[in-house]
Protein backbone atom coordinates (compact mmCIF):
# COMPACT_ATOMS: atom_id res chain seq x y z
CA MET A 1 -51.32 -80.72 -8.48
CA ARG A 2 -51.00 -80.20 -4.98
CA VAL A 3 -53.08 -81.74 -1.88
CA HIS A 4 -52.56 -79.90 1.31
CA LYS A 5 -54.25 -82.62 4.43
CA LYS A 6 -54.40 -80.00 7.16
CA ASN A 7 -57.99 -78.32 8.10
CA PHE A 8 -58.04 -74.15 7.59
CA ILE A 9 -60.12 -71.29 8.68
CA TYR A 10 -59.03 -67.86 8.10
CA LEU A 11 -59.70 -64.33 9.28
CA LEU A 12 -59.54 -61.65 6.79
CA ILE A 13 -59.97 -58.27 8.08
CA PHE A 14 -59.54 -55.12 5.81
CA THR A 15 -60.01 -51.73 6.66
CA LEU A 16 -60.89 -50.16 3.56
CA ASN A 17 -59.97 -46.38 2.63
CA PHE A 18 -60.44 -44.23 -0.72
CA ILE A 19 -59.55 -41.77 -2.08
CA VAL A 20 -62.83 -39.21 -2.27
CA PHE A 21 -63.05 -36.97 -4.60
CA SER A 22 -65.37 -34.20 -3.81
CA ALA A 23 -68.52 -33.76 -6.25
CA SER A 24 -67.99 -30.07 -5.81
CA ALA A 25 -64.27 -29.93 -7.07
CA GLN A 26 -65.72 -31.50 -10.29
CA LYS A 27 -65.64 -29.20 -13.35
CA GLU A 28 -67.35 -28.89 -16.59
CA THR A 29 -67.13 -32.01 -18.76
CA PHE A 30 -65.05 -31.64 -21.78
CA ILE A 31 -68.12 -31.86 -24.58
CA GLN A 32 -69.27 -28.44 -22.01
CA SER A 33 -65.62 -26.81 -22.78
CA LEU A 34 -66.35 -26.85 -26.33
CA ASN A 35 -69.64 -24.55 -26.02
CA LYS A 36 -67.43 -22.14 -24.87
CA GLN A 37 -64.98 -19.87 -26.60
CA ASN A 38 -61.07 -20.64 -25.99
CA HIS A 39 -58.65 -18.10 -26.13
CA TRP A 40 -55.76 -19.90 -25.55
CA VAL A 41 -56.93 -22.49 -28.14
CA ASP A 42 -57.31 -19.60 -30.45
CA SER A 43 -54.25 -18.30 -29.54
CA VAL A 44 -52.15 -21.45 -30.16
CA PHE A 45 -53.89 -22.01 -33.39
CA ARG A 46 -53.43 -19.19 -34.88
CA LYS A 47 -49.77 -19.62 -34.56
CA LEU A 48 -49.40 -23.07 -35.64
CA SER A 49 -48.84 -23.27 -39.87
CA ARG A 50 -51.03 -25.80 -42.08
CA ARG A 51 -48.32 -28.39 -41.38
CA GLN A 52 -48.24 -27.81 -37.98
CA LYS A 53 -52.20 -28.14 -37.71
CA ILE A 54 -52.17 -31.07 -39.43
CA ALA A 55 -49.01 -32.78 -36.96
CA GLN A 56 -51.59 -31.94 -33.77
CA LEU A 57 -54.03 -34.47 -35.30
CA PHE A 58 -51.37 -36.98 -35.03
CA PHE A 59 -50.53 -39.42 -32.01
CA VAL A 60 -46.95 -41.88 -32.58
CA ARG A 61 -46.43 -44.63 -30.51
CA ALA A 62 -43.53 -44.57 -27.37
CA HIS A 63 -41.87 -47.35 -25.72
CA THR A 64 -39.68 -47.41 -22.31
CA ASN A 65 -38.93 -51.37 -22.95
CA LEU A 66 -37.48 -50.84 -26.18
CA GLY A 67 -33.59 -49.10 -25.57
CA ALA A 68 -32.28 -45.64 -25.56
CA ARG A 69 -32.24 -46.15 -29.61
CA TYR A 70 -36.12 -46.44 -29.84
CA GLU A 71 -36.70 -43.84 -27.59
CA ASP A 72 -34.23 -41.32 -29.49
CA SER A 73 -36.25 -42.06 -32.50
CA VAL A 74 -39.38 -41.21 -30.73
CA ALA A 75 -37.69 -37.94 -29.61
CA GLY A 76 -36.80 -37.37 -33.30
CA VAL A 77 -40.36 -37.55 -34.80
CA ILE A 78 -41.45 -35.25 -31.38
CA LYS A 79 -38.58 -32.59 -32.21
CA ASN A 80 -38.90 -32.87 -36.32
CA GLU A 81 -42.73 -32.73 -36.77
CA GLN A 82 -44.20 -31.84 -33.71
CA VAL A 83 -46.86 -34.11 -33.04
CA GLY A 84 -49.85 -33.34 -30.98
CA GLY A 85 -49.35 -36.56 -29.03
CA LEU A 86 -48.14 -40.29 -27.38
CA VAL A 87 -49.30 -42.86 -27.21
CA PHE A 88 -47.57 -45.16 -24.60
CA PHE A 89 -47.30 -48.95 -24.41
CA GLN A 90 -45.33 -51.77 -22.46
CA GLY A 91 -41.96 -50.07 -19.79
CA GLY A 92 -42.03 -49.08 -16.15
CA PRO A 93 -43.70 -46.17 -14.48
CA VAL A 94 -40.39 -43.85 -13.63
CA ARG A 95 -38.63 -45.07 -16.81
CA GLN A 96 -41.85 -43.18 -18.77
CA ALA A 97 -42.67 -40.38 -16.50
CA GLU A 98 -38.90 -39.17 -17.06
CA LEU A 99 -38.94 -40.32 -20.39
CA ILE A 100 -42.46 -37.88 -20.53
CA ASN A 101 -40.86 -34.97 -19.47
CA ARG A 102 -37.91 -35.06 -21.24
CA TYR A 103 -40.43 -35.69 -24.61
CA GLN A 104 -42.54 -32.49 -23.54
CA LYS A 105 -39.13 -30.55 -23.27
CA LEU A 106 -39.13 -31.07 -27.35
CA ALA A 107 -42.84 -30.14 -27.92
CA ASP A 108 -43.89 -26.28 -29.09
CA VAL A 109 -47.23 -27.33 -28.04
CA PRO A 110 -47.72 -29.67 -24.94
CA LEU A 111 -47.97 -33.08 -25.88
CA LEU A 112 -51.69 -35.29 -25.00
CA ILE A 113 -50.06 -38.13 -23.58
CA ALA A 114 -52.27 -41.35 -23.73
CA GLN A 115 -52.11 -45.12 -23.03
CA ASP A 116 -54.80 -47.92 -23.10
CA GLY A 117 -55.77 -48.65 -19.30
CA GLU A 118 -58.73 -50.73 -19.53
CA TRP A 119 -57.87 -52.63 -15.67
CA GLY A 120 -55.44 -49.10 -14.98
CA LEU A 121 -51.72 -48.91 -15.46
CA GLY A 122 -51.16 -52.85 -15.13
CA MET A 123 -52.37 -53.22 -18.55
CA ARG A 124 -49.00 -51.32 -19.44
CA LEU A 125 -46.67 -51.05 -17.20
CA ASP A 126 -44.58 -53.38 -14.44
CA SER A 127 -44.71 -52.12 -11.13
CA THR A 128 -48.22 -50.98 -10.88
CA ILE A 129 -51.54 -52.14 -9.65
CA SER A 130 -53.70 -53.70 -12.18
CA TYR A 131 -57.10 -53.99 -11.45
CA PRO A 132 -59.70 -56.80 -12.46
CA TYR A 133 -60.40 -57.68 -16.09
CA GLN A 134 -63.51 -55.61 -17.28
CA MET A 135 -66.14 -59.33 -17.73
CA THR A 136 -65.02 -59.63 -13.87
CA LEU A 137 -66.70 -56.09 -12.93
CA GLY A 138 -69.27 -56.86 -15.32
CA ALA A 139 -70.36 -59.01 -12.18
CA ILE A 140 -71.04 -56.37 -9.73
CA GLN A 141 -73.87 -55.58 -8.56
CA ASP A 142 -72.80 -51.97 -7.24
CA ASN A 143 -71.63 -49.43 -9.83
CA ARG A 144 -70.39 -47.20 -7.10
CA LEU A 145 -67.31 -49.15 -6.94
CA ILE A 146 -66.30 -49.26 -10.63
CA TYR A 147 -66.92 -45.54 -10.34
CA LYS A 148 -64.66 -45.16 -7.39
CA MET A 149 -61.87 -47.86 -10.01
CA GLY A 150 -62.43 -44.88 -12.68
CA GLN A 151 -61.26 -42.26 -9.90
CA GLN A 152 -58.03 -44.06 -8.80
CA VAL A 153 -56.85 -44.66 -12.43
CA ALA A 154 -57.25 -41.15 -12.86
CA TYR A 155 -55.09 -40.13 -10.21
CA ASP A 156 -52.52 -42.66 -11.42
CA PHE A 157 -52.46 -41.35 -15.25
CA LYS A 158 -52.50 -37.91 -13.77
CA ARG A 159 -49.39 -38.74 -11.33
CA MET A 160 -47.49 -40.00 -14.04
CA GLY A 161 -48.02 -37.38 -16.38
CA MET A 162 -50.80 -38.57 -18.57
CA GLN A 163 -54.25 -36.96 -19.82
CA ILE A 164 -56.01 -39.36 -21.75
CA ASN A 165 -57.13 -43.36 -20.71
CA PHE A 166 -58.35 -44.83 -24.15
CA GLY A 167 -61.03 -46.65 -22.32
CA PRO A 168 -63.59 -48.16 -21.41
CA ASP A 169 -63.97 -50.88 -23.58
CA MET A 170 -67.95 -50.41 -24.43
CA ASP A 171 -68.15 -53.39 -26.94
CA VAL A 172 -71.01 -55.62 -26.04
CA ASN A 173 -69.09 -59.10 -25.70
CA ASN A 174 -71.77 -61.35 -27.70
CA ASN A 175 -68.77 -64.08 -29.32
CA PRO A 176 -67.14 -66.41 -26.76
CA ASP A 177 -64.19 -66.66 -29.32
CA ASN A 178 -64.01 -63.28 -29.81
CA PRO A 179 -60.52 -63.54 -30.17
CA VAL A 180 -59.49 -59.65 -29.55
CA ILE A 181 -62.35 -58.49 -27.44
CA ASN A 182 -63.85 -61.13 -24.96
CA TYR A 183 -62.60 -60.78 -21.05
CA ARG A 184 -62.56 -57.04 -22.14
CA SER A 185 -66.00 -56.23 -22.20
CA PHE A 186 -67.93 -56.13 -19.34
CA GLY A 187 -70.54 -58.33 -20.75
CA ASP A 188 -73.32 -59.82 -23.38
CA ASN A 189 -75.72 -57.96 -21.85
CA LYS A 190 -75.89 -54.13 -23.37
CA TYR A 191 -77.05 -52.33 -20.73
CA ASN A 192 -75.14 -53.90 -18.21
CA VAL A 193 -72.22 -53.03 -20.53
CA ALA A 194 -73.73 -49.25 -20.32
CA ARG A 195 -73.87 -48.71 -16.93
CA LYS A 196 -70.84 -50.17 -15.86
CA GLY A 197 -68.45 -48.09 -18.29
CA ILE A 198 -70.44 -45.02 -18.09
CA ALA A 199 -69.96 -45.33 -14.59
CA TYR A 200 -66.10 -46.12 -14.96
CA MET A 201 -65.87 -43.13 -17.58
CA GLN A 202 -67.24 -40.74 -14.97
CA GLY A 203 -64.95 -41.59 -12.10
CA MET A 204 -62.29 -41.01 -14.28
CA GLN A 205 -63.85 -37.88 -16.00
CA ASP A 206 -65.14 -36.68 -13.14
CA ALA A 207 -61.49 -36.75 -11.59
CA GLY A 208 -59.85 -35.01 -14.73
CA LEU A 209 -58.63 -37.68 -17.30
CA LEU A 210 -60.00 -37.75 -20.45
CA THR A 211 -60.94 -41.01 -21.82
CA THR A 212 -62.30 -42.89 -24.88
CA ALA A 213 -65.45 -45.65 -25.08
CA LYS A 214 -64.05 -48.32 -28.19
CA HIS A 215 -64.53 -49.53 -30.36
CA PHE A 216 -67.34 -47.92 -32.26
CA PRO A 217 -69.81 -49.23 -33.42
CA GLY A 218 -68.77 -52.47 -31.25
CA HIS A 219 -66.20 -54.84 -31.79
CA GLY A 220 -68.11 -57.41 -29.69
CA ASP A 221 -69.23 -60.08 -32.23
CA THR A 222 -66.42 -60.85 -34.25
CA ASN A 223 -63.73 -63.79 -34.55
CA VAL A 224 -61.38 -62.09 -36.31
CA ASP A 225 -58.66 -59.71 -34.63
CA SER A 226 -58.21 -56.68 -36.72
CA HIS A 227 -55.01 -56.55 -35.35
CA PHE A 228 -54.23 -59.19 -38.19
CA ASP A 229 -56.90 -58.88 -40.51
CA LEU A 230 -59.86 -57.13 -41.68
CA PRO A 231 -63.40 -58.51 -39.67
CA LEU A 232 -66.43 -58.68 -41.23
CA LEU A 233 -69.69 -57.18 -39.09
CA PRO A 234 -72.31 -58.90 -40.97
CA PHE A 235 -75.65 -57.79 -39.06
CA SER A 236 -78.26 -55.44 -40.27
CA ARG A 237 -78.36 -51.60 -39.82
CA ALA A 238 -81.81 -52.74 -36.93
CA ARG A 239 -79.56 -55.12 -35.29
CA LEU A 240 -76.52 -52.71 -35.38
CA ASP A 241 -78.79 -50.15 -34.06
CA SER A 242 -80.54 -51.47 -31.01
CA LEU A 243 -77.57 -53.89 -29.75
CA GLU A 244 -73.97 -53.13 -30.84
CA GLU A 245 -74.54 -49.27 -30.54
CA TYR A 246 -76.79 -49.22 -27.77
CA PRO A 247 -73.61 -48.24 -24.79
CA PHE A 248 -71.76 -45.77 -26.88
CA ARG A 249 -75.25 -44.32 -26.87
CA GLU A 250 -75.58 -44.08 -23.75
CA ALA A 251 -72.01 -42.86 -23.24
CA ILE A 252 -72.77 -39.87 -25.31
CA GLN A 253 -75.86 -38.66 -23.89
CA ALA A 254 -73.42 -39.39 -20.76
CA SER A 255 -70.73 -36.52 -22.34
CA ILE A 256 -67.84 -39.08 -22.63
CA SER A 257 -65.16 -36.97 -24.13
CA GLY A 258 -64.02 -39.39 -26.70
CA ILE A 259 -64.78 -42.48 -28.35
CA MET A 260 -62.50 -44.55 -30.80
CA ILE A 261 -63.43 -46.07 -34.76
CA ALA A 262 -62.83 -49.42 -34.89
CA HIS A 263 -61.15 -51.34 -37.95
CA MET A 264 -64.33 -53.86 -39.30
CA ASP A 265 -66.21 -54.17 -42.36
CA ILE A 266 -70.02 -53.37 -42.00
CA PRO A 267 -71.58 -53.68 -45.51
CA ALA A 268 -75.29 -52.75 -43.91
CA LEU A 269 -73.80 -49.56 -42.57
CA ASP A 270 -71.15 -48.87 -45.79
CA ALA A 271 -71.27 -51.33 -48.27
CA THR A 272 -67.93 -50.35 -49.81
CA ILE A 273 -65.84 -53.32 -50.93
CA ASN A 274 -63.52 -53.75 -48.00
CA LEU A 275 -63.51 -50.33 -46.46
CA PRO A 276 -62.52 -50.01 -42.75
CA SER A 277 -65.30 -48.42 -40.11
CA THR A 278 -62.44 -45.87 -39.48
CA LEU A 279 -62.38 -45.13 -42.96
CA SER A 280 -65.86 -44.23 -44.16
CA ARG A 281 -67.48 -40.72 -43.85
CA LYS A 282 -71.13 -42.26 -43.83
CA ILE A 283 -69.52 -44.44 -39.93
CA VAL A 284 -67.87 -41.73 -38.58
CA THR A 285 -69.68 -38.36 -39.52
CA ASN A 286 -72.92 -39.16 -40.69
CA ILE A 287 -73.62 -42.11 -38.29
CA LEU A 288 -71.40 -41.15 -35.21
CA LYS A 289 -71.16 -36.95 -34.89
CA ASP A 290 -74.28 -36.67 -37.42
CA SER A 291 -77.50 -39.15 -35.87
CA LEU A 292 -76.06 -39.69 -32.68
CA GLY A 293 -74.79 -36.47 -32.18
CA PHE A 294 -71.22 -36.51 -30.33
CA LYS A 295 -69.32 -33.93 -30.33
CA GLY A 296 -66.54 -34.90 -28.45
CA LEU A 297 -62.93 -36.67 -29.89
CA VAL A 298 -63.33 -39.09 -32.58
CA VAL A 299 -60.07 -41.51 -32.30
CA SER A 300 -59.10 -44.25 -35.03
CA ASP A 301 -57.84 -47.37 -33.51
CA ALA A 302 -54.60 -47.67 -34.37
CA MET A 303 -53.29 -47.22 -37.39
CA GLU A 304 -50.53 -49.32 -37.79
CA MET A 305 -52.84 -52.44 -37.64
CA LYS A 306 -53.38 -55.13 -40.68
CA GLY A 307 -57.16 -54.38 -40.27
CA VAL A 308 -56.81 -50.87 -42.07
CA VAL A 309 -53.61 -50.94 -43.63
CA LYS A 310 -53.91 -53.91 -45.64
CA TYR A 311 -56.62 -52.72 -48.54
CA PHE A 312 -55.15 -49.30 -48.04
CA PRO A 313 -51.26 -48.72 -47.77
CA ASN A 314 -48.73 -46.47 -48.12
CA GLY A 315 -50.54 -43.39 -46.40
CA GLU A 316 -53.82 -43.53 -47.73
CA ALA A 317 -55.37 -45.23 -44.60
CA ASP A 318 -54.38 -42.23 -42.81
CA LEU A 319 -56.07 -39.94 -45.07
CA ARG A 320 -58.93 -41.25 -45.81
CA ALA A 321 -59.53 -41.44 -42.07
CA PHE A 322 -59.17 -37.75 -41.66
CA LEU A 323 -61.17 -37.15 -44.65
CA ALA A 324 -63.72 -39.79 -42.85
CA GLY A 325 -64.06 -37.37 -39.98
CA ASN A 326 -61.84 -38.88 -37.15
CA ASP A 327 -60.01 -35.86 -35.01
CA ILE A 328 -57.00 -38.52 -33.86
CA LEU A 329 -55.08 -40.39 -35.85
CA GLU A 330 -53.05 -42.94 -33.47
CA LEU A 331 -49.95 -44.77 -34.35
CA SER A 332 -49.58 -43.93 -37.82
CA PRO A 333 -47.37 -45.87 -39.86
CA ASN A 334 -45.48 -43.00 -41.18
CA SER A 335 -47.26 -40.12 -39.84
CA ALA A 336 -44.62 -37.81 -42.01
CA LEU A 337 -46.32 -39.08 -45.59
CA ALA A 338 -49.49 -39.18 -43.55
CA VAL A 339 -49.31 -35.16 -43.12
CA LYS A 340 -47.71 -34.72 -46.48
CA LEU A 341 -50.70 -36.06 -48.13
CA ILE A 342 -53.38 -34.70 -45.98
CA ARG A 343 -51.59 -31.27 -46.60
CA LYS A 344 -52.27 -31.74 -50.00
CA ALA A 345 -55.75 -33.10 -49.57
CA VAL A 346 -56.88 -29.74 -47.61
CA ARG A 347 -55.02 -27.46 -49.96
CA LYS A 348 -57.45 -29.43 -52.88
CA ASP A 349 -60.51 -28.24 -50.66
CA GLU A 350 -60.89 -31.77 -49.95
CA ILE A 351 -62.36 -30.93 -46.55
CA SER A 352 -63.78 -27.44 -45.53
CA ARG A 353 -62.02 -24.89 -44.05
CA GLU A 354 -64.26 -25.10 -41.08
CA GLU A 355 -64.28 -28.97 -40.79
CA PHE A 356 -60.66 -29.14 -40.95
CA ASP A 357 -60.23 -25.98 -38.63
CA ALA A 358 -62.77 -27.77 -35.74
CA LYS A 359 -60.37 -30.79 -35.50
CA VAL A 360 -57.44 -29.11 -34.69
CA LYS A 361 -59.28 -26.52 -32.09
CA LYS A 362 -60.94 -29.46 -31.01
CA VAL A 363 -57.27 -31.56 -29.64
CA LEU A 364 -55.91 -28.07 -28.75
CA ALA A 365 -59.50 -27.62 -26.44
CA ALA A 366 -58.80 -31.24 -24.89
CA LYS A 367 -54.96 -30.25 -24.13
CA TYR A 368 -56.66 -26.95 -22.35
CA TRP A 369 -59.28 -29.24 -20.89
CA ALA A 370 -56.18 -32.12 -19.37
CA GLY A 371 -54.34 -28.77 -17.95
CA LEU A 372 -51.73 -29.15 -20.16
CA ASN A 373 -51.62 -24.50 -20.66
CA LYS A 374 -50.15 -24.91 -17.43
CA TYR A 375 -47.63 -27.84 -18.01
CA HIS A 376 -45.60 -29.03 -15.54
CA PRO A 377 -43.04 -32.38 -15.42
CA THR A 378 -44.04 -34.85 -13.37
CA SER A 379 -42.15 -35.28 -9.93
CA ILE A 380 -40.72 -38.60 -9.82
CA THR A 381 -40.07 -38.73 -5.96
CA ASN A 382 -42.16 -41.50 -4.38
CA LEU A 383 -44.11 -42.08 -7.60
CA VAL A 384 -43.81 -45.87 -7.27
CA ALA A 385 -45.36 -45.89 -3.84
CA ASP A 386 -47.42 -43.35 -4.92
CA LEU A 387 -49.04 -45.92 -7.92
CA ASN A 388 -49.11 -48.81 -5.30
CA ARG A 389 -50.93 -46.93 -2.14
CA PRO A 390 -52.64 -48.88 0.14
CA ALA A 391 -55.95 -47.21 -0.94
CA ALA A 392 -55.73 -48.21 -4.40
CA LYS A 393 -54.56 -52.02 -2.98
CA GLU A 394 -57.83 -52.38 -0.65
CA LEU A 395 -60.00 -51.16 -3.83
CA VAL A 396 -58.43 -54.30 -5.73
CA GLN A 397 -60.00 -56.46 -3.11
CA GLN A 398 -63.12 -55.09 -2.57
CA LEU A 399 -63.92 -55.22 -6.54
CA SER A 400 -63.08 -58.91 -6.40
CA ASP A 401 -65.21 -59.55 -2.96
CA ALA A 402 -67.80 -57.88 -4.62
CA ALA A 403 -67.46 -59.71 -8.44
CA ILE A 404 -66.58 -63.33 -7.26
CA THR A 405 -70.06 -65.72 -7.75
CA LEU A 406 -71.56 -69.00 -7.20
CA LEU A 407 -73.20 -70.42 -10.01
CA LYS A 408 -74.27 -73.04 -7.95
CA GLY A 409 -74.72 -74.57 -4.74
CA ASP A 410 -76.05 -73.35 -0.75
CA ALA A 411 -74.81 -71.94 2.60
CA SER A 412 -73.87 -75.40 3.67
CA SER A 413 -72.32 -76.50 0.05
CA VAL A 414 -69.95 -74.19 -0.34
CA GLN A 415 -68.58 -73.81 2.89
CA LEU A 416 -65.56 -75.83 4.64
CA ASP A 417 -66.79 -77.28 7.67
CA PRO A 418 -63.72 -76.80 10.06
CA PHE A 419 -64.32 -80.34 11.91
CA ARG A 420 -64.48 -82.60 9.02
CA ARG A 421 -60.86 -83.08 7.40
CA ALA A 422 -60.61 -81.23 3.71
CA ALA A 423 -58.68 -81.88 0.84
CA ILE A 424 -57.56 -78.66 -1.00
CA ILE A 425 -56.60 -79.36 -4.81
CA SER A 426 -54.75 -76.29 -6.89
CA ILE A 427 -55.00 -77.43 -10.61
CA GLY A 428 -52.00 -75.69 -12.47
CA ASP A 429 -49.83 -78.24 -14.34
CA LYS A 430 -52.05 -78.49 -17.35
CA ASN A 431 -50.18 -81.31 -18.94
CA ALA A 432 -50.76 -83.76 -15.95
CA SER A 433 -50.16 -87.50 -16.80
CA VAL A 434 -52.88 -90.22 -16.67
CA GLU A 435 -50.72 -91.27 -13.59
CA GLN A 436 -50.27 -88.28 -11.93
CA VAL A 437 -54.30 -87.79 -12.04
CA ASN A 438 -54.88 -91.20 -11.00
CA SER A 439 -52.30 -90.76 -8.00
CA LEU A 440 -54.25 -88.10 -6.92
CA GLN A 441 -57.63 -89.36 -7.43
CA GLN A 442 -56.72 -92.39 -4.50
CA GLN A 443 -54.97 -89.81 -2.32
CA ILE A 444 -58.56 -88.58 -1.91
CA THR A 445 -60.48 -90.59 -1.33
CA GLN A 446 -60.00 -90.53 2.49
CA PHE A 447 -61.25 -87.30 2.35
CA PRO A 448 -64.93 -86.20 2.99
CA GLN A 449 -64.63 -82.71 1.70
CA VAL A 450 -62.66 -81.44 -1.30
CA PHE A 451 -61.92 -78.05 -2.71
CA VAL A 452 -60.36 -77.51 -5.98
CA SER A 453 -59.37 -74.55 -7.66
CA VAL A 454 -58.99 -74.13 -11.35
CA ASN A 455 -56.45 -71.62 -12.14
CA ASP A 456 -56.03 -70.38 -15.94
CA THR A 457 -51.95 -69.07 -15.29
CA ARG A 458 -51.53 -67.32 -18.47
CA ALA A 459 -51.48 -63.71 -18.89
CA ARG A 460 -54.60 -63.65 -20.59
CA PRO A 461 -57.72 -65.48 -19.88
CA ALA A 462 -59.22 -66.82 -22.73
CA SER A 463 -62.20 -69.00 -23.47
CA LYS A 464 -61.07 -72.13 -23.20
CA LEU A 465 -58.41 -73.85 -20.94
CA ASP A 466 -55.42 -75.24 -22.41
CA TYR A 467 -55.72 -77.98 -20.53
CA ASN A 468 -54.56 -81.46 -21.52
CA ILE A 469 -57.52 -84.06 -21.80
CA ASN A 470 -56.30 -85.84 -18.76
CA VAL A 471 -56.67 -82.75 -16.77
CA LYS A 472 -60.00 -81.84 -18.03
CA LEU A 473 -61.70 -85.34 -17.30
CA LEU A 474 -60.07 -85.06 -13.68
CA ILE A 475 -61.98 -82.04 -13.15
CA ILE A 476 -64.95 -83.92 -14.72
CA GLN A 477 -64.22 -86.57 -12.09
CA LEU A 478 -64.29 -84.50 -8.88
CA ALA A 479 -66.89 -82.28 -9.42
CA ALA A 480 -69.18 -85.63 -9.38
CA ARG A 481 -67.90 -86.96 -5.89
CA PRO A 482 -70.05 -85.52 -3.48
CA ASN A 483 -69.46 -82.51 -1.47
CA THR A 484 -66.82 -81.00 -3.91
CA VAL A 485 -66.42 -77.57 -4.07
CA ILE A 486 -65.07 -75.68 -7.85
CA SER A 487 -63.51 -72.32 -8.05
CA VAL A 488 -62.62 -71.04 -11.33
CA PHE A 489 -60.17 -68.74 -11.65
CA ALA A 490 -60.34 -68.74 -15.33
CA ASN A 491 -62.60 -66.84 -18.10
CA ALA A 492 -66.14 -67.70 -17.68
CA TYR A 493 -66.49 -69.23 -20.65
CA THR A 494 -64.45 -71.60 -19.89
CA ILE A 495 -66.93 -73.86 -18.10
CA ALA A 496 -68.69 -74.48 -21.07
CA GLY A 497 -65.37 -76.83 -22.11
CA LEU A 498 -66.16 -78.28 -18.79
CA PRO A 499 -69.02 -80.80 -19.21
CA GLY A 500 -70.47 -81.70 -16.42
CA ILE A 501 -69.19 -79.40 -13.64
CA GLU A 502 -72.38 -77.89 -13.10
CA LYS A 503 -72.65 -81.31 -11.14
CA ALA A 504 -70.56 -80.02 -8.18
CA GLY A 505 -71.50 -79.57 -5.18
CA ALA A 506 -70.97 -75.36 -5.46
CA LEU A 507 -69.47 -73.69 -8.03
CA LEU A 508 -67.57 -70.53 -7.35
CA VAL A 509 -66.17 -68.17 -10.86
CA GLY A 510 -63.15 -66.10 -10.10
CA TYR A 511 -63.29 -64.91 -13.51
CA GLN A 512 -59.43 -64.54 -13.63
CA MET A 513 -56.46 -65.62 -11.66
CA THR A 514 -55.54 -63.14 -9.29
CA ASP A 515 -54.25 -63.36 -5.93
CA GLU A 516 -57.20 -60.54 -4.70
CA LEU A 517 -60.12 -63.33 -6.37
CA GLN A 518 -58.54 -66.54 -4.39
CA LEU A 519 -58.99 -64.81 -1.29
CA SER A 520 -62.21 -63.46 -1.95
CA ALA A 521 -62.97 -67.10 -2.70
CA VAL A 522 -61.61 -68.19 0.91
CA LYS A 523 -63.58 -65.48 2.34
CA VAL A 524 -66.65 -67.28 0.94
CA ILE A 525 -65.63 -70.80 1.75
CA THR A 526 -65.29 -69.64 5.42
CA GLN A 527 -68.12 -67.70 6.12
CA ARG A 528 -66.69 -64.65 5.65
CA LEU A 529 -68.34 -63.12 2.72
CA LYS A 530 -71.69 -63.86 1.26
CA PRO A 531 -70.69 -63.89 -2.67
CA GLY A 532 -72.97 -61.42 -4.20
CA GLY A 533 -71.37 -61.01 -8.32
CA LYS A 534 -74.07 -62.44 -11.21
CA LEU A 535 -72.12 -63.93 -14.66
CA PRO A 536 -71.78 -61.05 -17.15
CA VAL A 537 -72.07 -63.76 -20.00
CA SER A 538 -74.17 -66.84 -21.02
CA VAL A 539 -71.44 -69.42 -20.40
CA ASN A 540 -74.56 -72.46 -21.30
CA SER A 541 -77.70 -73.65 -20.89
CA PHE A 542 -76.92 -74.40 -17.01
CA PHE A 543 -75.56 -70.81 -16.60
CA PRO A 544 -77.17 -67.83 -18.70
CA THR A 545 -76.12 -64.17 -18.00
CA GLY A 546 -77.38 -63.18 -14.46
CA THR A 547 -77.01 -66.40 -13.07
CA GLY A 548 -75.43 -65.81 -9.02
CA VAL A 549 -77.14 -67.26 -5.92
CA LEU A 550 -77.27 -64.86 -3.40
CA LEU A 551 -76.47 -66.57 -0.11
CA GLN A 552 -78.66 -65.64 3.07
């Protein structure tokens, strides 16, 4: 914790420039393209053996931070199995672009390259831009900014040689204790989630990137992480129809190109004991494809996750996911074994020839739509500079300015008086002792204005701060002082764990710890910005969804 004993004022001027994509240049959506005969797809399809057709449905894991041996092992899978695509995880942009070029040379049919990019390339790659988390975006009132973010993200993906983003997350996060979705969601209001998810998706798709809404039929109200176990969703069909499925239904109407299926046990939709939704034909085919009319790519969540392999090991999960109606099976624990099992099922007519052929052709059609029929290697020249261009950085600041939310206060209580002494307290030491806390309180008695910054320095903003009791009590005691302004750069849900913080003279929430959001708060405090954000989740009775003071 630090106390700065001087007055301050900041003058901040930004010129915002954006990469603009002409609306006239927008091509038909992937969904529209499926209604036309595609000679490239038909030609490639005819050349593939049955085994090769099945392999087109598999996407395997790739990294650039695990060393040459791992990279070579993935190369071996591509060369020997001729899988349909890759999903890249942690690494760096130049290493990854070079590896994509290497891997594409090994594929008879160009690989469809995917990555989780809910907040852009920075979700997985170093030396790249991270846009605000989706909960932060949920506070923004102008969805055109989120559309622009989608365009910028699409540029980044395509510049890297990738064609599909496993995003946006369109779960309605109405459980503050959700361990896996939480800040990755646009919030707990289904209409806000749908509108913002569609804006992000349309920005990406209009710029030529395939997208994937996740995690159908909705992973927002669980307290189990499906990476480690199978979550139970115990709600009625009526509740699921009206709440969880709503954003996906809207996204389908807006022509989203892909939907990812969650690994969840949902008895109201399929009563089979311990059957993950990914493996349920009732959910994948009967509900998503038939009832909701989705014609795009159906993608499984990672098939290596404990939520799906716990009860269906040794390739059975992959087989069942294939038979359930998934078009793409990502991250199979053993793709060679899975292909063998599926090949046997196809031979035994456990799936119709028409349905099997349609899956393969849909994946090939996605490759065509993304331009892989005319594949070109990725240029490494100026790659890092291109990914960190000024227009993208300026958009991050503009998104942050639009998201910063005043939960309590008015123009006089939130803003700095430059003619009075002010103490600025930045809380980052989560284990401060009683002696340190008492010393700080004694130091600030002489300051008529106190500005407190609550910072969550963890990589992912959890629902509860990991501060010790001394630090939490300090925040509550500071809030009780007159003329205290508190800015929370942490998950909005953390406010519920600080009872008494509502007594502060003014309370700002920035949702996450970034330089841009801290700058946005400074701009509010120094009268350079009027906050326009609104709380995307319900924190407590003091601060329900939609809270946001708009200064005149």
